[in-house]
Amino acid sequence: QDKKALAEKQMEIMRLIIPRYKKMQEEGRIELSVTPFYHPILPLICDSEIAREANRSVKLPKNHFMRPEDAAAQIKSAVDYYTQKFGVPPEGMWPSEGSVSEAVIQIAASAGIKWMATDEAVLANSLGHRLSAQELFIPHTAAKDGVSVSMVFRDRKISDDIGFLYSRWNPRDAAADIMAKLHHIADILPDDDRRYLVSVILDGENAWEYYSRNGRDFFEQLYGMLSSDGRIKTVRVKDFLKENHPSSTLPRLFPGSWINANFDVWIGHEEDNRSWDYLFQARQMLAETETAPKEAWDELYIAEGSDWNWWYGDDHSSANDEDFDALYRKHLINIYKLAGKDYPRYLEASIKVMKAVKALREPVYFIDPILDGEISNYYEWLSAGLYSVDQARGAMHQTETLIRNIYYGFSRKTLFVRIDPTIDLSCDDPEMRGVSFEVNILKPHAKKVELKCSEQGEKTFVLYRHDDAKNWVKDKDLSSVGVGRVIELGVDFPDLGIKERDEIQMTVAVKRSGKELESWPKGGVIAFKAPDEDF
């Protein structure tokens, strides 16, 4: 009841936000900009090869993604939703991750957008030289084929200091430092009666959890100082542009984002590029399916969002990498299903390359356990490696799991795995019908060892391999398994295609009717070397 009451109160407060913003905008106190609906990187949606203009050394996906009509749909959805909520269309747009290109100019202008914003490094690249204060702190016009929008460029130093530095400062000192920076900018600008604009732009929600009282003390200090300062005036971008029309037209709008003025976070890494290739195939299928419903297109637009590729590659990582990867592939699978098509089986395999996790102990000597499903001898698994799910779940705040421990080891010719479950393993138990335990070998070759209770209560033990289309196909029935208090199994190295000194990467999963219940290690793999004669 307490949780329900708390959730209801949160929803009550959230319902007040948009009406409050609408009222403040109507009073002229704030301006609300818009962002493309599902947060895509617009330049890459328009033309994935634009990434090479921003970074000549970037490695591009195999397939050339080029769907400016999708970029237009993402902007239109955002503009329509904004208009529905606030009663007027937006004038400004912060493109997802500040990502711009000349193709975006035309699409944004066609949607009624009058101004866009991005990072100062994009302006420097557009002009082709180091920026002066007079160039950074004025709006510019970006034009292409007779269509134009106004552009403002953020002051990176002030913006990033708010985002990453001032949370560790005393709120008054932080606000005073911003004011000092603004006065310094005013001092270095020419005294020419011209009005200049300092744009402070950062992620709207990410910083404040690191500030005391979610930034309230900081904002009170900053807004108080701004309100009483005679040289600095806060202004809405649209109001500034009406009184100070851009006098400078860029020679070109350099393609880039607010992160290093390129798109490397979202394209170029092997994982990013595989994601783009999978998206390309799904988009191609939709283009060829005249009867695809709106819901299939919605799933496509969701999959075009930038946040999926944020977690691919080496740039960023979290404890939820595996979840983000699974969600992305689920949206791609939904596209095919909603269009009435079979989805490619490669979408069942992770795009994210899992990292080896540290086991509680590594294999130290050969083992040759009796595969009877019982812990019949203390010593038979003593030399095996051990991954402790109990230990891992504590770090991840997961209270209950179906697996407690995973042991792994080998003789000269056989890989042995022991799974210690927390549930009764009898296939006679109706609760076990359709439940399977899987040992997934990712390297050196994709193999899957499945121990399953069928819906009829029969136990099967099967080795699967990938066919040419990366679909799982049955390789052979196996017999070296014991099920009792624990699961003990063995598979000969030749059946797994494993040779001496090969690196073996594996995970262990529990599924019910094909749906994954849990998989270990989370976001990683158990990795070890196949033994040779010197082990």
Protein backbone atom coordinates (compact mmCIF):
# COMPACT_ATOMS: atom_id res chain seq x y z
CA GLN A 1 0.00 0.00 0.00
CA ASP A 2 2.86 2.39 0.79
CA LYS A 3 4.46 1.78 -2.61
CA LYS A 4 1.12 2.27 -4.36
CA ALA A 5 0.52 5.53 -2.51
CA LEU A 6 4.02 6.75 -3.37
CA ALA A 7 3.57 5.89 -7.07
CA GLU A 8 0.20 7.66 -7.15
CA LYS A 9 1.70 10.77 -5.56
CA GLN A 10 4.54 10.76 -8.12
CA MET A 11 2.03 10.52 -10.96
CA GLU A 12 -0.01 13.34 -9.42
CA ILE A 13 3.05 15.59 -9.36
CA MET A 14 4.09 14.59 -12.89
CA ARG A 15 0.65 15.52 -14.22
CA LEU A 16 1.27 19.07 -13.01
CA ILE A 17 4.49 19.57 -14.97
CA ILE A 18 3.23 20.16 -18.51
CA PRO A 19 0.40 22.53 -17.43
CA ARG A 20 2.94 24.46 -15.32
CA TYR A 21 5.36 24.69 -18.26
CA LYS A 22 2.53 25.74 -20.57
CA LYS A 23 1.49 28.52 -18.20
CA MET A 24 5.06 29.78 -17.79
CA GLN A 25 5.56 29.83 -21.55
CA GLU A 26 2.33 31.74 -22.09
CA GLU A 27 3.49 34.27 -19.51
CA GLY A 28 6.71 34.77 -21.46
CA ARG A 29 8.93 33.42 -18.68
CA ILE A 30 10.35 30.40 -20.52
CA GLU A 31 10.67 29.02 -24.03
CA LEU A 32 10.28 25.29 -24.62
CA SER A 33 12.18 23.78 -27.51
CA VAL A 34 11.58 20.39 -29.08
CA THR A 35 13.70 17.32 -29.83
CA PRO A 36 13.03 14.68 -32.54
CA PHE A 37 10.45 12.28 -31.14
CA TYR A 38 12.43 9.09 -30.49
CA HIS A 39 15.79 10.88 -30.16
CA PRO A 40 17.47 9.76 -33.42
CA ILE A 41 20.79 11.12 -34.67
CA LEU A 42 19.18 12.99 -37.56
CA PRO A 43 22.26 13.37 -39.81
CA LEU A 44 22.90 9.61 -39.70
CA ILE A 45 19.26 8.81 -40.40
CA CYS A 46 19.44 11.14 -43.41
CA ASP A 47 22.71 9.64 -44.63
CA SER A 48 24.95 7.36 -42.56
CA GLU A 49 27.95 8.20 -44.74
CA ILE A 50 27.90 11.78 -43.43
CA ALA A 51 29.86 10.34 -40.50
CA ARG A 52 32.92 10.24 -42.73
CA GLU A 53 32.76 14.00 -43.28
CA ALA A 54 32.94 14.51 -39.52
CA ASN A 55 35.71 11.91 -39.10
CA ARG A 56 37.51 10.71 -42.21
CA SER A 57 38.91 7.63 -40.46
CA VAL A 58 35.57 6.27 -39.25
CA LYS A 59 34.68 2.76 -40.37
CA LEU A 60 31.19 2.70 -41.83
CA PRO A 61 28.58 -0.09 -41.74
CA LYS A 62 28.28 -2.46 -44.70
CA ASN A 63 24.94 -0.96 -45.69
CA HIS A 64 24.33 2.70 -46.55
CA PHE A 65 21.41 3.92 -44.41
CA MET A 66 19.76 6.88 -46.12
CA ARG A 67 16.21 7.72 -45.02
CA PRO A 68 15.66 11.48 -44.78
CA GLU A 69 11.93 10.78 -44.82
CA ASP A 70 12.35 9.04 -41.46
CA ALA A 71 14.13 12.09 -40.05
CA ALA A 72 11.21 14.20 -41.25
CA ALA A 73 8.73 11.82 -39.60
CA GLN A 74 10.63 11.99 -36.29
CA ILE A 75 10.59 15.80 -36.31
CA LYS A 76 6.93 15.97 -37.40
CA SER A 77 5.86 13.64 -34.58
CA ALA A 78 7.67 15.83 -32.07
CA VAL A 79 6.21 19.06 -33.46
CA ASP A 80 2.68 17.58 -33.53
CA TYR A 81 2.97 16.30 -29.94
CA TYR A 82 4.37 19.63 -28.73
CA THR A 83 1.57 21.54 -30.46
CA GLN A 84 -1.03 19.23 -28.92
CA LYS A 85 0.35 19.77 -25.42
CA PHE A 86 1.19 23.48 -25.53
CA GLY A 87 -1.32 24.86 -28.02
CA VAL A 88 1.34 26.43 -30.27
CA PRO A 89 4.07 24.91 -32.44
CA PRO A 90 7.68 25.07 -31.29
CA GLU A 91 10.08 27.58 -32.79
CA GLY A 92 13.31 26.00 -31.57
CA MET A 93 14.83 22.54 -31.72
CA TRP A 94 17.72 20.93 -29.89
CA PRO A 95 18.51 18.06 -32.27
CA SER A 96 19.27 14.83 -30.41
CA GLU A 97 22.81 15.09 -29.00
CA GLY A 98 23.17 18.43 -30.81
CA SER A 99 23.58 16.49 -34.07
CA VAL A 100 23.30 18.61 -37.20
CA SER A 101 24.08 18.53 -40.91
CA GLU A 102 22.97 20.47 -43.96
CA ALA A 103 20.35 17.83 -44.75
CA VAL A 104 18.76 18.53 -41.36
CA ILE A 105 18.40 22.25 -42.18
CA GLN A 106 15.88 21.59 -44.92
CA ILE A 107 13.88 19.04 -42.96
CA ALA A 108 13.71 21.18 -39.81
CA ALA A 109 12.74 24.33 -41.70
CA SER A 110 10.00 22.43 -43.54
CA ALA A 111 8.57 21.42 -40.14
CA GLY A 112 8.38 25.08 -39.07
CA ILE A 113 11.52 25.10 -36.93
CA LYS A 114 13.07 28.57 -36.86
CA TRP A 115 16.20 27.95 -34.80
CA MET A 116 18.44 25.04 -33.82
CA ALA A 117 21.32 24.72 -31.36
CA THR A 118 24.50 22.68 -31.16
CA ASP A 119 28.07 22.84 -29.80
CA GLU A 120 30.68 25.54 -30.39
CA ALA A 121 33.05 22.97 -31.98
CA VAL A 122 30.55 22.52 -34.82
CA LEU A 123 30.69 26.28 -35.40
CA ALA A 124 34.51 26.22 -35.43
CA ASN A 125 34.51 23.43 -38.00
CA SER A 126 31.87 25.23 -40.05
CA LEU A 127 33.99 28.39 -40.19
CA GLY A 128 37.24 26.48 -40.54
CA HIS A 129 39.19 28.32 -37.85
CA ARG A 130 39.49 28.95 -34.13
CA LEU A 131 36.55 30.96 -32.85
CA SER A 132 36.64 34.53 -31.64
CA ALA A 133 34.22 35.69 -28.97
CA GLN A 134 32.42 37.82 -31.56
CA GLU A 135 31.74 34.69 -33.65
CA LEU A 136 30.66 32.37 -30.83
CA PHE A 137 28.31 34.72 -29.03
CA ILE A 138 26.08 35.70 -31.95
CA PRO A 139 23.43 33.71 -33.83
CA HIS A 140 24.21 32.57 -37.36
CA THR A 141 22.11 31.57 -40.34
CA ALA A 142 22.53 28.06 -41.75
CA ALA A 143 21.19 27.81 -45.29
CA LYS A 144 20.91 25.10 -47.92
CA ASP A 145 19.21 25.31 -51.32
CA GLY A 146 17.32 28.47 -50.43
CA VAL A 147 16.05 27.19 -47.07
CA SER A 148 17.48 28.43 -43.77
CA VAL A 149 17.26 28.28 -39.99
CA SER A 150 18.97 30.34 -37.32
CA MET A 151 21.70 28.61 -35.33
CA VAL A 152 22.99 29.24 -31.81
CA PHE A 153 26.07 27.52 -30.42
CA ARG A 154 26.60 26.66 -26.78
CA ASP A 155 29.44 27.90 -24.63
CA ARG A 156 31.06 24.57 -23.83
CA LYS A 157 33.00 25.68 -20.73
CA ILE A 158 30.08 27.07 -18.76
CA SER A 159 27.72 24.31 -19.93
CA ASP A 160 30.09 21.47 -19.04
CA ASP A 161 31.08 23.01 -15.72
CA ILE A 162 27.41 23.02 -14.70
CA GLY A 163 27.04 19.45 -15.92
CA PHE A 164 30.18 17.94 -14.43
CA LEU A 165 31.99 20.28 -12.02
CA TYR A 166 29.80 22.53 -9.90
CA SER A 167 27.96 19.69 -8.15
CA ARG A 168 31.10 19.39 -5.98
CA TRP A 169 31.19 23.11 -5.17
CA ASN A 170 29.44 25.22 -2.61
CA PRO A 171 26.29 26.47 -4.43
CA ARG A 172 27.09 30.14 -3.90
CA ASP A 173 30.68 29.71 -5.10
CA ALA A 174 29.46 27.84 -8.19
CA ALA A 175 26.96 30.57 -9.07
CA ALA A 176 29.58 33.26 -8.47
CA ASP A 177 32.00 31.45 -10.78
CA ILE A 178 29.43 31.41 -13.58
CA MET A 179 28.81 35.12 -13.11
CA ALA A 180 32.56 35.75 -13.26
CA LYS A 181 32.80 33.82 -16.52
CA LEU A 182 29.89 35.79 -18.00
CA HIS A 183 31.47 39.11 -16.98
CA HIS A 184 34.76 38.01 -18.51
CA ILE A 185 32.96 37.27 -21.79
CA ALA A 186 31.34 40.72 -21.65
CA ASP A 187 34.75 42.30 -21.02
CA ILE A 188 36.41 40.70 -24.06
CA LEU A 189 33.57 41.50 -26.45
CA PRO A 190 33.79 44.80 -28.36
CA ASP A 191 31.90 47.78 -26.97
CA ASP A 192 29.85 48.21 -30.13
CA ASP A 193 26.29 48.52 -28.74
CA ARG A 194 25.61 45.09 -30.20
CA ARG A 195 23.79 42.49 -28.14
CA TYR A 196 25.53 39.16 -27.69
CA LEU A 197 24.05 35.81 -26.72
CA VAL A 198 25.74 33.25 -24.42
CA SER A 199 24.01 29.89 -24.85
CA VAL A 200 24.25 27.53 -21.87
CA ILE A 201 23.03 24.10 -22.94
CA LEU A 202 23.33 20.74 -21.18
CA ASP A 203 21.32 17.58 -20.57
CA GLY A 204 18.22 18.68 -18.74
CA GLU A 205 18.09 15.90 -16.16
CA ASN A 206 21.45 14.19 -15.76
CA ALA A 207 23.36 16.66 -13.61
CA TRP A 208 20.99 17.44 -10.76
CA GLU A 209 21.06 14.12 -8.91
CA TYR A 210 24.69 14.92 -8.07
CA TYR A 211 23.87 18.34 -6.59
CA SER A 212 22.71 18.94 -3.06
CA ARG A 213 18.91 19.08 -2.92
CA ASN A 214 18.81 18.21 -6.63
CA GLY A 215 20.32 21.57 -7.54
CA ARG A 216 17.76 23.74 -5.78
CA ASP A 217 20.35 25.62 -3.71
CA PHE A 218 22.51 26.17 -6.78
CA PHE A 219 19.60 27.49 -8.86
CA GLU A 220 18.43 29.84 -6.15
CA GLN A 221 21.90 31.35 -5.92
CA LEU A 222 22.38 31.56 -9.70
CA TYR A 223 18.95 32.99 -10.49
CA GLY A 224 19.27 35.47 -7.65
CA MET A 225 22.60 36.74 -9.00
CA LEU A 226 21.33 36.89 -12.58
CA SER A 227 18.22 38.82 -11.54
CA SER A 228 20.21 41.51 -9.75
CA ASP A 229 23.02 41.89 -12.28
CA GLY A 230 23.02 45.07 -14.35
CA ARG A 231 25.12 43.75 -17.25
CA ILE A 232 23.59 40.29 -17.78
CA LYS A 233 20.03 39.66 -18.94
CA THR A 234 18.31 36.29 -19.31
CA VAL A 235 16.42 35.95 -22.57
CA ARG A 236 14.41 33.46 -24.58
CA VAL A 237 16.14 32.47 -27.82
CA LYS A 238 13.15 33.31 -29.99
CA ASP A 239 12.87 36.78 -28.43
CA PHE A 240 16.57 37.45 -28.94
CA LEU A 241 16.34 36.39 -32.59
CA LYS A 242 13.37 38.66 -33.25
CA GLU A 243 15.33 41.68 -32.01
CA ASN A 244 18.76 40.55 -33.26
CA HIS A 245 18.37 38.84 -36.60
CA PRO A 246 21.51 36.87 -37.58
CA SER A 247 23.83 38.98 -39.70
CA SER A 248 26.22 36.10 -40.42
CA THR A 249 25.49 33.22 -42.80
CA LEU A 250 27.67 30.13 -42.40
CA PRO A 251 29.61 29.04 -45.49
CA ARG A 252 28.37 25.53 -44.61
CA LEU A 253 27.01 23.71 -41.59
CA PHE A 254 29.63 21.15 -40.66
CA PRO A 255 28.11 17.77 -39.74
CA GLY A 256 28.67 16.85 -36.12
CA SER A 257 27.28 16.48 -32.62
CA TRP A 258 28.07 18.12 -29.30
CA ILE A 259 30.40 15.21 -28.48
CA ASN A 260 33.73 15.86 -30.24
CA ALA A 261 31.88 17.41 -33.19
CA ASN A 262 31.46 13.98 -34.82
CA PHE A 263 29.23 10.90 -34.61
CA ASP A 264 31.76 8.37 -33.33
CA VAL A 265 29.68 7.47 -30.26
CA TRP A 266 26.91 6.09 -32.50
CA ILE A 267 28.69 4.71 -35.56
CA GLY A 268 32.07 3.24 -36.44
CA HIS A 269 32.61 0.59 -33.79
CA GLU A 270 31.94 -2.99 -34.86
CA GLU A 271 28.94 -3.20 -32.52
CA ASP A 272 27.53 0.16 -33.68
CA ASN A 273 27.88 -0.86 -37.31
CA ARG A 274 26.20 -4.21 -36.78
CA SER A 275 23.32 -2.33 -35.16
CA TRP A 276 23.05 -0.05 -38.21
CA ASP A 277 23.15 -3.02 -40.59
CA TYR A 278 20.35 -4.75 -38.68
CA LEU A 279 18.33 -1.52 -38.75
CA PHE A 280 18.96 -1.20 -42.50
CA GLN A 281 17.59 -4.70 -43.13
CA ALA A 282 14.46 -4.05 -41.08
CA ARG A 283 13.88 -0.70 -42.81
CA GLN A 284 14.37 -2.31 -46.22
CA MET A 285 11.80 -4.96 -45.38
CA LEU A 286 9.25 -2.32 -44.34
CA ALA A 287 9.81 -0.38 -47.57
CA GLU A 288 8.97 -3.53 -49.50
CA THR A 289 5.88 -4.38 -47.40
CA GLU A 290 2.93 -2.29 -48.53
CA THR A 291 0.62 -3.69 -45.86
CA ALA A 292 2.89 -2.94 -42.88
CA PRO A 293 0.74 -1.38 -40.12
CA LYS A 294 1.48 1.87 -38.31
CA GLU A 295 2.63 -0.09 -35.27
CA ALA A 296 5.48 -1.61 -37.30
CA TRP A 297 6.62 1.86 -38.35
CA ASP A 298 6.44 3.04 -34.74
CA GLU A 299 8.76 0.19 -33.75
CA LEU A 300 11.16 1.25 -36.51
CA TYR A 301 11.23 4.85 -35.32
CA ILE A 302 11.90 3.63 -31.77
CA ALA A 303 14.80 1.52 -33.07
CA GLU A 304 16.20 4.61 -34.83
CA GLY A 305 16.70 6.27 -31.44
CA SER A 306 20.26 7.15 -30.48
CA ASP A 307 20.28 5.63 -27.01
CA TRP A 308 20.70 2.06 -28.28
CA ASN A 309 24.02 2.79 -29.93
CA TRP A 310 25.10 4.89 -26.96
CA TRP A 311 25.71 1.59 -25.14
CA TYR A 312 27.40 -0.23 -28.03
CA GLY A 313 31.13 0.09 -28.60
CA ASP A 314 33.75 1.14 -26.08
CA ASP A 315 32.47 4.65 -25.28
CA HIS A 316 29.97 3.86 -22.54
CA SER A 317 28.97 0.94 -20.39
CA SER A 318 26.63 0.17 -17.51
CA ALA A 319 25.33 -2.78 -15.53
CA ASN A 320 22.37 -2.81 -17.93
CA ASP A 321 24.24 -3.19 -21.23
CA GLU A 322 22.74 -6.62 -21.78
CA ASP A 323 19.23 -5.28 -21.14
CA PHE A 324 19.63 -2.37 -23.58
CA ASP A 325 20.96 -4.77 -26.21
CA ALA A 326 18.03 -7.17 -25.71
CA LEU A 327 15.49 -4.32 -25.87
CA TYR A 328 16.94 -2.97 -29.10
CA ARG A 329 16.80 -6.37 -30.76
CA LYS A 330 13.27 -6.86 -29.42
CA HIS A 331 12.12 -3.70 -31.19
CA LEU A 332 13.69 -4.94 -34.44
CA ILE A 333 12.00 -8.32 -34.01
CA ASN A 334 8.68 -6.53 -33.40
CA ILE A 335 9.03 -4.74 -36.74
CA TYR A 336 9.11 -8.04 -38.58
CA LYS A 337 6.34 -9.62 -36.52
CA LEU A 338 3.99 -6.67 -36.94
CA ALA A 339 4.68 -6.64 -40.68
CA GLY A 340 3.75 -10.32 -40.82
CA LYS A 341 7.28 -11.47 -41.65
CA ASP A 342 9.66 -13.99 -40.11
CA TYR A 343 12.47 -12.19 -38.32
CA PRO A 344 16.11 -13.06 -39.04
CA ARG A 345 17.45 -15.41 -36.38
CA TYR A 346 20.59 -13.32 -35.99
CA LEU A 347 18.42 -10.96 -33.95
CA GLU A 348 18.38 -13.58 -31.19
CA ALA A 349 22.14 -13.18 -30.68
CA SER A 350 23.63 -10.35 -28.67
CA ILE A 351 25.17 -7.45 -30.57
CA LYS A 352 27.11 -6.42 -27.49
CA VAL A 353 30.36 -8.32 -27.15
CA MET A 354 30.44 -9.49 -23.59
CA LYS A 355 33.51 -8.89 -21.44
CA ALA A 356 35.13 -11.59 -19.37
CA VAL A 357 34.18 -11.34 -15.70
CA LYS A 358 36.42 -12.32 -12.84
CA ALA A 359 35.48 -15.71 -11.44
CA LEU A 360 35.71 -16.46 -7.75
CA ARG A 361 38.41 -18.97 -8.70
CA GLU A 362 39.97 -20.28 -11.91
CA PRO A 363 40.48 -23.95 -12.87
CA VAL A 364 43.75 -25.15 -11.36
CA TYR A 365 43.92 -28.81 -12.40
CA PHE A 366 42.18 -31.45 -14.47
CA ILE A 367 38.93 -32.88 -13.10
CA ASP A 368 36.97 -36.02 -13.92
CA PRO A 369 33.72 -35.85 -11.93
CA ILE A 370 31.07 -38.55 -11.74
CA LEU A 371 28.09 -37.05 -13.57
CA ASP A 372 25.34 -38.23 -11.24
CA GLY A 373 23.78 -34.91 -10.22
CA GLU A 374 24.97 -35.33 -6.64
CA ILE A 375 27.81 -33.78 -4.67
CA SER A 376 29.17 -37.24 -4.00
CA ASN A 377 32.79 -36.30 -3.37
CA TYR A 378 34.13 -33.06 -1.94
CA TYR A 379 37.22 -33.25 -4.13
CA GLU A 380 35.68 -33.91 -7.56
CA TRP A 381 35.00 -30.19 -8.28
CA LEU A 382 37.64 -28.75 -5.97
CA SER A 383 40.06 -27.96 -8.82
CA ALA A 384 37.34 -26.48 -11.05
CA GLY A 385 36.69 -22.83 -11.71
CA LEU A 386 33.82 -21.23 -9.81
CA TYR A 387 31.56 -18.32 -10.72
CA SER A 388 29.48 -17.40 -7.67
CA VAL A 389 26.03 -16.12 -8.54
CA ASP A 390 25.42 -15.58 -4.83
CA GLN A 391 28.30 -13.12 -4.78
CA ALA A 392 27.30 -11.40 -8.04
CA ARG A 393 23.66 -10.95 -7.10
CA GLY A 394 24.68 -9.14 -3.92
CA ALA A 395 26.57 -6.58 -5.98
CA MET A 396 23.60 -6.20 -8.33
CA HIS A 397 20.94 -6.09 -5.56
CA GLN A 398 19.10 -9.11 -7.01
CA THR A 399 17.47 -10.94 -4.11
CA GLU A 400 16.44 -14.26 -5.66
CA THR A 401 17.98 -16.29 -8.47
CA LEU A 402 17.43 -19.72 -9.99
CA ILE A 403 21.16 -20.47 -10.04
CA ARG A 404 23.46 -20.28 -7.03
CA ASN A 405 26.85 -21.28 -8.43
CA ILE A 406 28.45 -22.32 -11.72
CA TYR A 407 31.47 -24.64 -11.68
CA TYR A 408 33.51 -25.29 -14.81
CA GLY A 409 36.56 -27.40 -15.54
CA PHE A 410 37.94 -30.04 -17.87
CA SER A 411 39.86 -33.20 -18.48
CA ARG A 412 42.16 -33.45 -21.47
CA LYS A 413 39.22 -34.17 -23.78
CA THR A 414 36.01 -33.00 -22.07
CA LEU A 415 34.49 -29.76 -20.80
CA PHE A 416 32.58 -30.21 -17.54
CA VAL A 417 30.01 -27.81 -16.11
CA ARG A 418 28.12 -28.01 -12.83
CA ILE A 419 25.11 -25.80 -12.16
CA ASP A 420 23.85 -25.46 -8.58
CA PRO A 421 20.18 -24.45 -8.79
CA THR A 422 17.88 -23.07 -6.12
CA ILE A 423 14.86 -25.00 -7.43
CA ASP A 424 13.73 -28.63 -7.60
CA LEU A 425 14.95 -30.11 -10.90
CA SER A 426 12.38 -32.90 -11.28
CA CYS A 427 10.65 -32.89 -14.64
CA ASP A 428 7.70 -34.53 -12.90
CA ASP A 429 7.02 -31.18 -11.24
CA PRO A 430 4.50 -29.26 -13.41
CA GLU A 431 6.37 -26.04 -12.55
CA MET A 432 9.41 -27.39 -14.40
CA ARG A 433 7.57 -28.07 -17.69
CA GLY A 434 9.19 -26.03 -20.47
CA VAL A 435 12.14 -24.99 -18.27
CA SER A 436 15.61 -25.31 -19.77
CA PHE A 437 19.14 -24.76 -18.53
CA GLU A 438 21.51 -23.68 -21.29
CA VAL A 439 25.28 -23.51 -21.46
CA ASN A 440 25.99 -21.07 -24.28
CA ILE A 441 29.43 -21.28 -25.86
CA LEU A 442 30.19 -17.98 -27.60
CA LYS A 443 33.81 -18.71 -28.51
CA PRO A 444 35.60 -20.25 -30.29
CA HIS A 445 32.40 -21.40 -32.06
CA ALA A 446 28.73 -20.73 -31.33
CA LYS A 447 27.33 -23.83 -29.62
CA LYS A 448 24.49 -24.36 -27.18
CA VAL A 449 24.10 -27.21 -24.72
CA GLU A 450 20.47 -27.45 -23.61
CA LEU A 451 19.03 -29.52 -20.77
CA LYS A 452 15.26 -29.22 -20.93
CA CYS A 453 12.09 -30.51 -19.36
CA SER A 454 9.58 -30.75 -22.19
CA GLU A 455 5.93 -29.80 -21.79
CA GLN A 456 5.25 -33.53 -21.52
CA GLY A 457 7.68 -33.86 -18.62
CA GLU A 458 10.43 -35.57 -20.61
CA LYS A 459 14.06 -34.67 -20.12
CA THR A 460 16.20 -33.87 -23.17
CA PHE A 461 19.91 -33.10 -23.43
CA VAL A 462 20.88 -31.67 -26.83
CA LEU A 463 23.83 -29.94 -28.47
CA TYR A 464 22.96 -27.17 -30.97
CA ARG A 465 25.09 -25.31 -33.49
CA HIS A 466 24.60 -22.32 -35.78
CA ASP A 467 23.77 -22.93 -39.44
CA ASP A 468 24.89 -20.52 -42.17
CA ALA A 469 22.00 -18.17 -41.36
CA LYS A 470 22.93 -18.24 -37.66
CA ASN A 471 19.82 -20.20 -36.75
CA TRP A 472 20.15 -22.80 -34.00
CA VAL A 473 19.95 -26.31 -35.42
CA LYS A 474 20.26 -29.60 -33.60
CA ASP A 475 23.72 -31.09 -33.79
CA LYS A 476 23.31 -34.24 -31.70
CA ASP A 477 21.74 -35.74 -28.61
CA LEU A 478 24.04 -35.94 -25.59
CA SER A 479 24.04 -38.39 -22.72
CA SER A 480 26.78 -37.24 -20.33
CA VAL A 481 24.56 -35.52 -17.80
CA GLY A 482 23.38 -36.08 -14.27
CA VAL A 483 20.45 -34.27 -12.66
CA GLY A 484 19.74 -34.46 -8.94
CA ARG A 485 20.56 -31.85 -6.32
CA VAL A 486 22.74 -30.23 -8.98
CA ILE A 487 23.24 -30.46 -12.75
CA GLU A 488 26.49 -32.04 -13.87
CA LEU A 489 27.26 -32.31 -17.58
CA GLY A 490 30.15 -33.04 -19.87
CA VAL A 491 30.71 -32.36 -23.59
CA ASP A 492 33.78 -33.50 -25.49
CA PHE A 493 35.94 -30.71 -26.86
CA PRO A 494 35.77 -32.05 -30.47
CA ASP A 495 31.95 -31.81 -30.36
CA LEU A 496 32.34 -28.14 -29.45
CA GLY A 497 35.01 -27.50 -32.07
CA ILE A 498 37.49 -26.59 -29.33
CA LYS A 499 41.23 -27.17 -29.69
CA GLU A 500 44.11 -26.83 -27.27
CA ARG A 501 44.69 -23.26 -26.02
CA ASP A 502 41.47 -21.97 -27.60
CA GLU A 503 39.81 -19.24 -25.57
CA ILE A 504 36.43 -20.46 -24.38
CA GLN A 505 33.70 -17.92 -23.58
CA MET A 506 30.43 -19.10 -22.13
CA THR A 507 27.31 -18.04 -20.28
CA VAL A 508 24.64 -20.04 -18.45
CA ALA A 509 20.95 -19.20 -18.81
CA VAL A 510 17.60 -20.43 -17.53
CA LYS A 511 14.58 -20.21 -19.81
CA ARG A 512 10.92 -21.10 -19.69
CA SER A 513 9.26 -21.86 -23.03
CA GLY A 514 12.09 -20.06 -24.78
CA LYS A 515 11.82 -16.89 -22.66
CA GLU A 516 14.95 -16.05 -20.70
CA LEU A 517 14.44 -15.93 -16.94
CA GLU A 518 18.05 -15.15 -16.06
CA SER A 519 21.53 -15.36 -17.54
CA TRP A 520 24.94 -15.36 -15.88
CA PRO A 521 27.31 -13.57 -15.74
CA LYS A 522 25.30 -10.36 -16.16
CA GLY A 523 26.74 -8.32 -19.01
CA GLY A 524 29.74 -10.59 -19.42
CA VAL A 525 31.14 -14.07 -20.03
CA ILE A 526 33.07 -16.72 -18.17
CA ALA A 527 36.34 -16.97 -20.08
CA PHE A 528 39.16 -19.52 -19.82
CA LYS A 529 41.64 -21.41 -22.00
CA ALA A 530 41.20 -24.98 -23.21
CA PRO A 531 44.02 -27.07 -21.68
CA ASP A 532 47.07 -28.36 -23.46
CA GLU A 533 49.51 -31.04 -22.34
CA ASP A 534 51.35 -28.52 -20.15
CA PHE A 535 48.30 -27.45 -18.11
